[in-house]
């Protein structure tokens, strides 16, 4: 499993892309846009919420693709030996999303980028790609287009969006006051709640319903997802989630979907994701 780093958590805790948990291991009114201070190797840095949406930094993960098909990426703890059939599957041609110019722009920007794996945190990377494409298409960031109905007595619409996006789970009313149907679904839940797309569950995802540029949130373990939705002490739970962009499907010679090509910070984008990688899958097909 991925190496776990030691951090000093101050003010608020957000969920990251990594966990030290194994499959059989047992687990036992805030500011919505805080500054998070991390302590690592005796260096303390304060980073704004928008620049650093989580505590884990994936910059230490090797971005070099495997040299042979049989090589296992040593930092990708979810990868298991794939059969030759899976590895020889080919990606289908990327078909742009006629329903969403923003989704099209996300994919175009990714395909044209010289730095497809920038490192850093998965949440920061996926959110930056969404915001950049939205601004290029509409001339402004998405926040001013959020419906007023998203706001609560405590949080603005933007704050609600950000809390849902980063899955800022806490065992108190600040998290539980947010709509349960969208909690734990990360970018997919936040964007759907903002009225900017259609939510897609695991059945739809692996049934071929995803469109290029869809944003995705996944959880390694179903029990983590359930606790996160209810409101968890994440320091004790240590959940394992990941946030990324869908690019296209990978199919075998019979046309059966065998994997997903994704865009992330370099954690898993070097190979297709397969169903066994995660227990819980959520996505949003953009409509803006």
Protein backbone atom coordinates (compact mmCIF):
# COMPACT_ATOMS: atom_id res chain seq x y z
CA UNK A 1 0.00 0.00 0.00
CA UNK A 2 1.18 3.59 -0.62
CA UNK A 3 3.58 5.12 1.90
CA UNK A 4 1.78 7.22 4.45
CA UNK A 5 3.21 10.59 5.39
CA UNK A 6 3.08 12.29 8.76
CA UNK A 7 1.17 15.57 8.90
CA UNK A 8 0.12 18.09 11.50
CA UNK A 9 -3.56 18.72 10.79
CA UNK A 10 -4.70 22.23 11.73
CA UNK A 11 -8.15 23.81 11.37
CA UNK A 12 -9.79 21.21 9.10
CA UNK A 13 -9.15 17.80 7.57
CA UNK A 14 -9.90 16.89 3.95
CA UNK A 15 -9.86 13.48 2.38
CA UNK A 16 -6.94 12.50 0.18
CA UNK A 17 -6.20 10.14 -2.65
CA UNK A 18 -4.20 7.68 -0.57
CA UNK A 19 -4.66 5.45 2.43
CA UNK A 20 -2.59 3.02 4.46
CA UNK A 21 -5.59 0.77 5.05
CA UNK A 22 -5.75 -2.84 3.84
CA UNK A 23 -8.95 -4.59 2.81
CA UNK A 24 -9.32 -6.57 6.04
CA UNK A 25 -8.24 -3.83 8.45
CA UNK A 26 -10.88 -2.67 10.95
CA UNK A 27 -11.45 1.04 11.60
CA UNK A 28 -12.96 2.65 14.30
CA UNK A 29 -20.14 25.38 12.26
CA UNK A 30 -16.66 25.46 10.43
CA UNK A 31 -15.00 27.76 7.92
CA UNK A 32 -15.67 26.23 4.51
CA UNK A 33 -12.51 27.67 2.95
CA UNK A 34 -9.71 27.25 5.51
CA UNK A 35 -5.97 27.38 5.22
CA UNK A 36 -4.33 24.01 5.82
CA UNK A 37 -0.91 23.87 7.43
CA UNK A 38 1.18 20.79 6.75
CA UNK A 39 4.27 19.62 8.58
CA UNK A 40 6.60 17.40 6.60
CA UNK A 41 10.35 16.99 6.96
CA UNK A 42 10.36 19.85 9.51
CA UNK A 43 8.97 22.30 6.93
CA UNK A 44 5.72 24.15 7.61
CA UNK A 45 3.86 25.76 4.73
CA UNK A 46 0.46 27.44 4.67
CA UNK A 47 -1.49 26.81 1.47
CA UNK A 48 -4.84 28.35 0.45
CA UNK A 49 -7.81 26.03 0.20
CA UNK A 50 -8.28 26.52 -3.55
CA UNK A 51 -4.64 25.76 -4.33
CA UNK A 52 -4.41 22.78 -2.00
CA UNK A 53 -7.68 20.89 -1.63
CA UNK A 54 -6.24 17.99 0.32
CA UNK A 55 -3.43 16.91 2.59
CA UNK A 56 -1.65 14.32 0.49
CA UNK A 57 0.90 15.39 -2.10
CA UNK A 58 1.41 12.86 -4.88
CA UNK A 59 4.52 14.57 -6.24
CA UNK A 60 6.61 11.70 -4.86
CA UNK A 61 4.84 9.21 -7.11
CA UNK A 62 6.84 8.19 -10.16
CA UNK A 63 5.35 9.53 -13.36
CA UNK A 64 7.34 7.23 -15.63
CA UNK A 65 5.12 4.65 -17.43
CA UNK A 66 6.06 0.98 -17.19
CA UNK A 67 8.51 -0.16 -19.85
CA UNK A 68 6.77 -3.46 -20.52
CA UNK A 69 3.18 -4.63 -20.32
CA UNK A 70 3.96 -6.99 -17.44
CA UNK A 71 5.56 -4.30 -15.25
CA UNK A 72 3.60 -3.27 -12.16
CA UNK A 73 3.78 0.41 -11.25
CA UNK A 74 5.27 0.14 -7.77
CA UNK A 75 3.48 3.22 -6.42
CA UNK A 76 0.04 2.19 -7.67
CA UNK A 77 -1.11 -0.06 -4.82
CA UNK A 78 -4.32 -1.02 -6.63
CA UNK A 79 -2.66 -2.51 -9.70
CA UNK A 80 -2.67 -6.29 -10.00
CA UNK A 81 -1.31 -8.44 -12.81
CA UNK A 82 -3.57 -7.98 -15.82
CA UNK A 83 -4.27 -10.69 -18.29
CA UNK A 84 -2.78 -10.34 -21.76
CA UNK A 85 -6.29 -9.75 -23.07
CA UNK A 86 -6.75 -6.70 -20.85
CA UNK A 87 -3.35 -5.28 -21.63
CA UNK A 88 -3.78 -5.71 -25.34
CA UNK A 89 -7.16 -3.94 -25.31
CA UNK A 90 -7.24 -0.77 -27.35
CA UNK A 91 -8.66 2.63 -26.51
CA UNK A 92 -11.61 3.70 -28.56
CA UNK A 93 -11.34 6.97 -30.44
CA UNK A 94 -12.06 9.97 -28.24
CA UNK A 95 -15.49 11.25 -29.25
CA UNK A 96 -16.22 14.77 -28.12
CA UNK A 97 -19.32 15.55 -26.06
CA UNK A 98 -21.83 17.48 -28.15
CA UNK A 99 -23.85 18.18 -24.98
CA UNK A 100 -21.04 20.04 -23.23
CA UNK A 101 -18.50 22.47 -24.68
CA UNK A 102 -16.79 22.50 -21.26
CA UNK A 103 -16.28 18.73 -21.35
CA UNK A 104 -14.90 19.02 -24.88
CA UNK A 105 -12.50 21.72 -23.77
CA UNK A 106 -11.31 19.66 -20.78
CA UNK A 107 -10.40 16.79 -23.10
CA UNK A 108 -8.86 19.05 -25.75
CA UNK A 109 -6.74 20.81 -23.14
CA UNK A 110 -5.56 17.49 -21.76
CA UNK A 111 -4.73 15.97 -25.14
CA UNK A 112 -2.88 19.13 -26.23
CA UNK A 113 -1.03 19.58 -22.96
CA UNK A 114 2.72 19.00 -22.78
CA UNK A 115 2.35 18.26 -19.06
CA UNK A 116 -0.38 15.65 -18.74
CA UNK A 117 0.79 14.45 -15.31
CA UNK A 118 1.56 17.56 -13.24
CA UNK A 119 1.84 15.81 -9.88
CA UNK A 120 0.32 17.27 -6.71
CA UNK A 121 -3.09 16.37 -5.33
CA UNK A 122 -5.82 14.70 -7.36
CA UNK A 123 -8.52 17.13 -6.17
CA UNK A 124 -6.49 20.19 -7.07
CA UNK A 125 -5.71 18.84 -10.54
CA UNK A 126 -9.26 17.76 -11.44
CA UNK A 127 -10.79 20.98 -10.11
CA UNK A 128 -8.25 23.17 -11.91
CA UNK A 129 -8.92 21.38 -15.21
CA UNK A 130 -12.67 21.89 -14.79
CA UNK A 131 -12.37 25.56 -13.83
CA UNK A 132 -9.90 26.35 -16.63
CA UNK A 133 -12.13 24.80 -19.30
CA UNK A 134 -15.24 26.50 -17.90
CA UNK A 135 -13.58 29.91 -17.96
CA UNK A 136 -12.27 29.40 -21.50
CA UNK A 137 -15.77 28.51 -22.72
CA UNK A 138 -17.92 30.91 -20.69
CA UNK A 139 -15.51 33.72 -19.89
CA UNK A 140 -15.72 33.32 -16.11
CA UNK A 141 -15.40 30.70 -13.39
CA UNK A 142 -18.45 28.52 -12.68
CA UNK A 143 -19.24 29.95 -9.25
CA UNK A 144 -21.30 32.90 -10.44
CA UNK A 145 -23.59 30.50 -12.32
CA UNK A 146 -24.50 28.42 -9.27
CA UNK A 147 -28.18 28.58 -8.27
CA UNK A 148 -28.96 30.50 -5.09
CA UNK A 149 -30.82 27.43 -3.86
CA UNK A 150 -27.47 25.72 -3.19
CA UNK A 151 -26.75 28.10 -0.30
CA UNK A 152 -27.63 27.23 3.28
CA UNK A 153 -28.03 29.32 6.41
CA UNK A 154 -24.34 28.69 7.10
CA UNK A 155 -22.68 28.42 3.69
CA UNK A 156 -22.76 30.26 0.39
CA UNK A 157 -23.38 28.34 -2.82
CA UNK A 158 -19.65 28.39 -3.57
CA UNK A 159 -18.80 27.05 -0.12
CA UNK A 160 -21.35 24.24 -0.46
CA UNK A 161 -19.86 23.33 -3.83
CA UNK A 162 -16.31 23.28 -2.45
CA UNK A 163 -17.25 21.23 0.61
CA UNK A 164 -19.00 18.63 -1.55
CA UNK A 165 -16.19 18.63 -4.12
CA UNK A 166 -13.45 17.81 -1.59
CA UNK A 167 -15.75 15.58 0.50
CA UNK A 168 -15.03 17.56 3.67
CA UNK A 169 -16.62 14.94 5.89
CA UNK A 170 -16.95 15.62 9.62
CA UNK A 171 -19.07 13.92 12.32
CA UNK A 172 -21.12 17.04 12.98
CA UNK A 173 -23.93 19.15 11.56
CA UNK A 174 -21.66 21.26 9.36
CA UNK A 175 -21.27 18.27 7.03
CA UNK A 176 -24.60 16.63 7.74
CA UNK A 177 -26.46 19.83 6.83
CA UNK A 178 -25.40 19.34 3.20
CA UNK A 179 -27.70 17.27 0.95
CA UNK A 180 -27.10 13.58 1.67
CA UNK A 181 -27.71 12.53 -1.95
CA UNK A 182 -24.59 14.44 -3.01
CA UNK A 183 -22.29 13.82 -0.02
CA UNK A 184 -19.36 11.50 -0.66
CA UNK A 185 -19.65 11.83 -4.43
CA UNK A 186 -16.94 14.48 -4.69
CA UNK A 187 -16.74 16.37 -7.98
CA UNK A 188 -19.65 14.35 -9.40
CA UNK A 189 -21.95 15.26 -6.51
CA UNK A 190 -20.92 18.91 -6.37
CA UNK A 191 -21.30 19.55 -10.12
CA UNK A 192 -24.59 17.66 -10.31
CA UNK A 193 -25.98 19.61 -7.35
CA UNK A 194 -24.97 22.82 -9.13
CA UNK A 195 -27.16 21.77 -12.08
CA UNK A 196 -24.26 21.43 -14.47
CA UNK A 197 -24.45 17.74 -15.30
CA UNK A 198 -26.05 14.35 -14.87
CA UNK A 199 -24.93 11.92 -12.19
CA UNK A 200 -23.78 8.48 -13.39
CA UNK A 201 -23.46 5.51 -11.03
CA UNK A 202 -21.27 2.41 -11.29
CA UNK A 203 -23.74 0.55 -13.49
CA UNK A 204 -23.87 3.41 -15.96
CA UNK A 205 -20.11 3.94 -15.87
CA UNK A 206 -19.29 0.34 -16.76
CA UNK A 207 -22.31 0.13 -19.05
CA UNK A 208 -20.76 2.65 -21.44
CA UNK A 209 -22.72 5.76 -20.41
CA UNK A 210 -19.76 8.03 -19.72
CA UNK A 211 -18.88 10.87 -22.09
CA UNK A 212 -15.33 12.21 -22.50
CA UNK A 213 -14.65 15.00 -20.03
CA UNK A 214 -16.84 13.51 -17.31
CA UNK A 215 -15.49 14.13 -13.80
CA UNK A 216 -15.20 11.13 -11.49
CA UNK A 217 -14.94 10.34 -7.78
CA UNK A 218 -14.16 6.82 -6.58
CA UNK A 219 -13.64 5.06 -3.25
CA UNK A 220 -11.49 2.00 -2.69
CA UNK A 221 -13.77 0.57 -0.01
CA UNK A 222 -17.57 0.75 0.15
CA UNK A 223 -17.56 0.92 3.95
CA UNK A 224 -15.41 4.08 3.77
CA UNK A 225 -17.89 5.70 1.39
CA UNK A 226 -20.81 4.93 3.72
CA UNK A 227 -19.03 6.41 6.74
CA UNK A 228 -17.91 9.48 4.79
CA UNK A 229 -21.48 10.20 3.70
CA UNK A 230 -22.71 9.96 7.29
CA UNK A 231 -19.86 12.10 8.63
CA UNK A 232 -16.55 10.58 9.62
CA UNK A 233 -13.55 11.43 11.73
CA UNK A 234 -11.22 11.06 8.76
CA UNK A 235 -8.09 11.09 10.89
CA UNK A 236 -9.23 7.75 12.34
CA UNK A 237 -11.03 6.38 9.29
CA UNK A 238 -8.14 7.06 6.87
CA UNK A 239 -10.33 6.71 3.74
CA UNK A 240 -8.96 6.10 0.24
CA UNK A 241 -10.58 8.13 -2.54
CA UNK A 242 -9.49 9.46 -5.90
CA UNK A 243 -10.65 12.28 -8.19
CA UNK A 244 -9.99 12.42 -11.95
CA UNK A 245 -11.30 13.04 -15.48
CA UNK A 246 -12.67 10.36 -17.84
CA UNK A 247 -11.08 10.42 -21.31
CA UNK A 248 -12.40 7.32 -23.08
CA UNK A 249 -13.18 3.62 -22.78
CA UNK A 250 -10.85 0.73 -23.48
CA UNK A 251 -12.45 -2.28 -25.20
CA UNK A 252 -11.34 -5.78 -26.14
CA UNK A 253 -11.51 -7.21 -29.66
CA UNK A 254 -15.20 -8.04 -29.09
CA UNK A 255 -16.10 -4.49 -28.14
CA UNK A 256 -16.52 -5.26 -24.44
CA UNK A 257 -15.44 -2.48 -22.07
CA UNK A 258 -12.35 -3.55 -20.13
CA UNK A 259 -11.10 -0.27 -18.70
CA UNK A 260 -11.21 3.51 -18.47
CA UNK A 261 -8.55 5.89 -19.72
CA UNK A 262 -8.32 8.78 -17.29
CA UNK A 263 -6.54 12.06 -16.65
CA UNK A 264 -5.22 12.63 -13.14
CA UNK A 265 -2.04 14.03 -11.60
CA UNK A 266 0.00 11.00 -12.65
CA UNK A 267 -1.12 8.54 -9.98
CA UNK A 268 -2.98 6.07 -12.19
CA UNK A 269 -3.32 7.72 -15.60
CA UNK A 270 -0.43 5.64 -16.95
CA UNK A 271 -2.78 2.63 -17.30
CA UNK A 272 -6.52 1.93 -17.72
CA UNK A 273 -8.59 1.61 -14.56
CA UNK A 274 -10.53 -1.65 -14.24
CA UNK A 275 -13.65 -2.45 -12.17
CA UNK A 276 -11.75 -4.17 -9.34
CA UNK A 277 -9.68 -1.06 -8.65
CA UNK A 278 -12.45 0.56 -6.59
CA UNK A 279 -15.63 -0.51 -4.82
CA UNK A 280 -17.52 2.75 -5.38
CA UNK A 281 -17.68 4.71 -8.64
CA UNK A 282 -19.42 8.03 -9.33
CA UNK A 283 -19.25 10.37 -12.31
CA UNK A 284 -20.98 13.38 -13.83
CA UNK A 285 -21.57 13.91 -17.54
CA UNK A 286 -21.32 17.65 -18.01
CA UNK A 287 -24.14 19.62 -19.65
CA UNK A 288 -22.60 23.11 -19.69
